[in-house]
């Protein structure tokens, strides 16, 4: 799944769990699905972060440490 799709599904799951209309078994299944999605999203975000750090490394610098800057939307 794409990142955006995963985030949307996690929001749907959170809403279903908040409304208290799901059975205990269904709630457990939804929670498990949400945790799996959260792990997948975390891996993807970590990968993207590493990629950005690599892109931020100054090519004219001999320093192999990436330059990191705060993300500001």
N, C-alpha and C. Protein backbone atom coordinates (compact mmCIF):
# COMPACT_ATOMS: atom_id res chain seq x y z
N UNK A 1 0.83 -1.18 0.00
CA UNK A 1 0.00 0.00 0.00
C UNK A 1 0.87 1.24 0.00
N UNK A 2 0.36 2.28 -0.58
CA UNK A 2 1.07 3.55 -0.57
C UNK A 2 0.94 4.21 0.81
N UNK A 3 1.87 5.07 1.12
CA UNK A 3 1.88 5.76 2.41
C UNK A 3 0.54 6.42 2.69
N UNK A 4 0.03 7.17 1.74
CA UNK A 4 -1.22 7.90 1.93
C UNK A 4 -2.39 6.95 2.19
N UNK A 5 -2.41 5.83 1.48
CA UNK A 5 -3.46 4.83 1.67
C UNK A 5 -3.36 4.22 3.06
N UNK A 6 -2.13 3.95 3.50
CA UNK A 6 -1.92 3.38 4.84
C UNK A 6 -2.41 4.35 5.92
N UNK A 7 -2.05 5.61 5.77
CA UNK A 7 -2.45 6.60 6.77
C UNK A 7 -3.98 6.73 6.81
N UNK A 8 -4.59 6.74 5.64
CA UNK A 8 -6.05 6.84 5.59
C UNK A 8 -6.69 5.63 6.27
N UNK A 9 -6.16 4.45 6.03
CA UNK A 9 -6.71 3.24 6.65
C UNK A 9 -6.53 3.29 8.16
N UNK A 10 -5.39 3.78 8.63
CA UNK A 10 -5.18 3.90 10.07
C UNK A 10 -6.20 4.86 10.68
N UNK A 11 -6.52 5.94 9.99
CA UNK A 11 -7.53 6.87 10.46
C UNK A 11 -8.90 6.19 10.53
N UNK A 12 -9.22 5.39 9.52
CA UNK A 12 -10.49 4.66 9.51
C UNK A 12 -10.57 3.69 10.69
N UNK A 13 -9.48 2.98 10.92
CA UNK A 13 -9.42 2.03 12.02
C UNK A 13 -9.61 2.76 13.35
N UNK A 14 -8.92 3.87 13.53
CA UNK A 14 -9.04 4.64 14.77
C UNK A 14 -10.48 5.07 14.99
N UNK A 15 -11.14 5.52 13.95
CA UNK A 15 -12.54 5.95 14.06
C UNK A 15 -13.44 4.77 14.44
N UNK A 16 -13.22 3.62 13.81
CA UNK A 16 -14.02 2.43 14.13
C UNK A 16 -13.82 2.01 15.59
N UNK A 17 -12.60 2.12 16.07
CA UNK A 17 -12.33 1.74 17.46
C UNK A 17 -12.92 2.75 18.44
N UNK A 18 -12.98 4.01 18.05
CA UNK A 18 -13.53 5.05 18.92
C UNK A 18 -15.05 4.97 19.05
N UNK A 19 -15.74 4.52 18.00
CA UNK A 19 -17.20 4.59 18.02
C UNK A 19 -17.86 3.52 18.90
N UNK A 20 -17.07 2.57 19.40
CA UNK A 20 -17.57 1.53 20.32
C UNK A 20 -18.70 0.70 19.75
N UNK A 21 -18.82 0.63 18.45
CA UNK A 21 -19.86 -0.19 17.84
C UNK A 21 -19.34 -1.52 17.31
N UNK A 22 -18.05 -1.75 17.44
CA UNK A 22 -17.47 -3.00 16.96
C UNK A 22 -17.37 -3.99 18.12
N UNK A 23 -17.47 -5.25 17.78
CA UNK A 23 -17.35 -6.29 18.80
C UNK A 23 -15.91 -6.36 19.29
N UNK A 24 -15.71 -7.04 20.39
CA UNK A 24 -14.36 -7.19 20.94
C UNK A 24 -13.44 -7.89 19.95
N UNK A 25 -13.94 -8.97 19.33
CA UNK A 25 -13.13 -9.68 18.34
C UNK A 25 -12.75 -8.78 17.17
N UNK A 26 -13.72 -8.04 16.66
CA UNK A 26 -13.45 -7.13 15.54
C UNK A 26 -12.49 -6.02 15.97
N UNK A 27 -12.64 -5.53 17.18
CA UNK A 27 -11.74 -4.50 17.69
C UNK A 27 -10.31 -5.01 17.76
N UNK A 28 -10.15 -6.23 18.22
CA UNK A 28 -8.81 -6.82 18.29
C UNK A 28 -8.22 -6.97 16.89
N UNK A 29 -9.03 -7.43 15.94
CA UNK A 29 -8.55 -7.56 14.55
C UNK A 29 -8.18 -6.21 13.97
N UNK A 30 -8.99 -5.20 14.22
CA UNK A 30 -8.69 -3.85 13.72
C UNK A 30 -7.41 -3.32 14.36
N UNK A 31 -7.27 -3.54 15.66
CA UNK A 31 -6.06 -3.08 16.34
C UNK A 31 -4.82 -3.74 15.76
N UNK A 32 -4.91 -5.05 15.53
CA UNK A 32 -3.79 -5.79 14.95
C UNK A 32 -3.45 -5.24 13.56
N UNK A 33 -4.48 -5.00 12.74
CA UNK A 33 -4.26 -4.43 11.41
C UNK A 33 -3.60 -3.06 11.52
N UNK A 34 -4.08 -2.24 12.44
CA UNK A 34 -3.51 -0.91 12.64
C UNK A 34 -2.05 -0.96 13.04
N UNK A 35 -1.69 -1.90 13.90
CA UNK A 35 -0.30 -2.04 14.33
C UNK A 35 0.59 -2.48 13.17
N UNK A 36 0.09 -3.37 12.33
CA UNK A 36 0.86 -3.80 11.16
C UNK A 36 1.08 -2.62 10.20
N UNK A 37 0.04 -1.85 9.99
CA UNK A 37 0.15 -0.68 9.11
C UNK A 37 1.13 0.33 9.72
N UNK A 38 1.03 0.56 11.02
CA UNK A 38 1.92 1.52 11.69
C UNK A 38 3.38 1.10 11.53
N UNK A 39 3.67 -0.18 11.66
CA UNK A 39 5.04 -0.65 11.48
C UNK A 39 5.51 -0.43 10.05
N UNK A 40 4.63 -0.68 9.09
CA UNK A 40 4.98 -0.49 7.68
C UNK A 40 5.24 0.99 7.39
N UNK A 41 4.39 1.86 7.94
CA UNK A 41 4.55 3.31 7.74
C UNK A 41 5.85 3.78 8.39
N UNK A 42 6.14 3.28 9.58
CA UNK A 42 7.37 3.68 10.27
C UNK A 42 8.61 3.30 9.45
N UNK A 43 8.60 2.09 8.89
CA UNK A 43 9.73 1.66 8.04
C UNK A 43 9.86 2.57 6.82
N UNK A 44 8.73 2.88 6.20
CA UNK A 44 8.76 3.72 5.01
C UNK A 44 9.28 5.13 5.35
N UNK A 45 8.82 5.69 6.46
CA UNK A 45 9.28 7.02 6.86
C UNK A 45 10.77 7.02 7.19
N UNK A 46 11.25 5.96 7.83
CA UNK A 46 12.68 5.86 8.14
C UNK A 46 13.49 5.79 6.85
N UNK A 47 12.99 5.04 5.88
CA UNK A 47 13.68 4.94 4.59
C UNK A 47 13.71 6.29 3.89
N UNK A 48 12.61 7.00 3.93
CA UNK A 48 12.55 8.32 3.31
C UNK A 48 13.49 9.28 4.02
N UNK A 49 13.53 9.21 5.34
CA UNK A 49 14.42 10.08 6.11
C UNK A 49 15.88 9.84 5.72
N UNK A 50 16.27 8.56 5.60
CA UNK A 50 17.65 8.24 5.19
C UNK A 50 17.94 8.79 3.80
N UNK A 51 16.97 8.65 2.91
CA UNK A 51 17.15 9.15 1.55
C UNK A 51 17.34 10.67 1.53
N UNK A 52 16.54 11.37 2.33
CA UNK A 52 16.66 12.83 2.40
C UNK A 52 18.01 13.22 2.99
N UNK A 53 18.46 12.51 4.02
CA UNK A 53 19.77 12.80 4.60
C UNK A 53 20.87 12.61 3.57
N UNK A 54 20.76 11.57 2.74
CA UNK A 54 21.75 11.36 1.69
C UNK A 54 21.72 12.50 0.68
N UNK A 55 20.54 12.95 0.34
CA UNK A 55 20.42 14.04 -0.62
C UNK A 55 20.93 15.36 -0.07
N UNK A 56 20.87 15.51 1.25
CA UNK A 56 21.31 16.74 1.88
C UNK A 56 22.83 16.78 2.08
N UNK A 57 23.51 15.66 1.85
CA UNK A 57 24.96 15.64 1.99
C UNK A 57 25.57 16.50 0.90
N UNK A 58 26.41 17.40 1.32
CA UNK A 58 27.05 18.32 0.39
C UNK A 58 28.06 17.57 -0.48
N UNK A 59 27.89 17.62 -1.81
CA UNK A 59 28.81 16.88 -2.69
C UNK A 59 30.24 17.43 -2.67
N UNK A 60 30.42 18.72 -2.38
CA UNK A 60 31.78 19.28 -2.37
C UNK A 60 32.49 19.08 -1.04
N UNK A 61 31.77 18.56 -0.06
CA UNK A 61 32.36 18.32 1.25
C UNK A 61 32.94 16.91 1.30
N UNK A 62 34.07 16.78 1.97
CA UNK A 62 34.65 15.47 2.20
C UNK A 62 34.02 14.79 3.39
N UNK A 63 33.19 15.53 4.08
CA UNK A 63 32.49 15.01 5.26
C UNK A 63 31.40 14.05 4.81
N UNK A 64 31.40 12.86 5.37
CA UNK A 64 30.39 11.88 4.98
C UNK A 64 29.13 11.97 5.82
N UNK A 65 29.15 12.83 6.83
CA UNK A 65 27.96 13.00 7.67
C UNK A 65 26.96 13.87 6.93
N UNK A 66 25.73 13.41 6.85
CA UNK A 66 24.71 14.21 6.17
C UNK A 66 24.36 15.46 6.97
N UNK A 67 23.95 16.47 6.26
CA UNK A 67 23.47 17.68 6.89
C UNK A 67 21.97 17.52 7.06
N UNK A 68 21.51 17.68 8.26
CA UNK A 68 20.08 17.57 8.48
C UNK A 68 19.52 18.93 8.84
N UNK A 69 18.36 19.21 8.33
CA UNK A 69 17.66 20.44 8.63
C UNK A 69 16.24 20.09 9.04
N UNK A 70 15.66 20.85 9.93
CA UNK A 70 14.28 20.55 10.35
C UNK A 70 13.33 20.68 9.17
N UNK A 71 12.35 19.79 9.14
CA UNK A 71 11.33 19.86 8.10
C UNK A 71 10.31 20.90 8.50
N UNK A 72 10.08 21.84 7.62
CA UNK A 72 9.07 22.87 7.87
C UNK A 72 8.16 22.94 6.65
N UNK A 73 6.91 22.46 6.79
CA UNK A 73 5.99 22.47 5.65
C UNK A 73 5.60 23.87 5.21
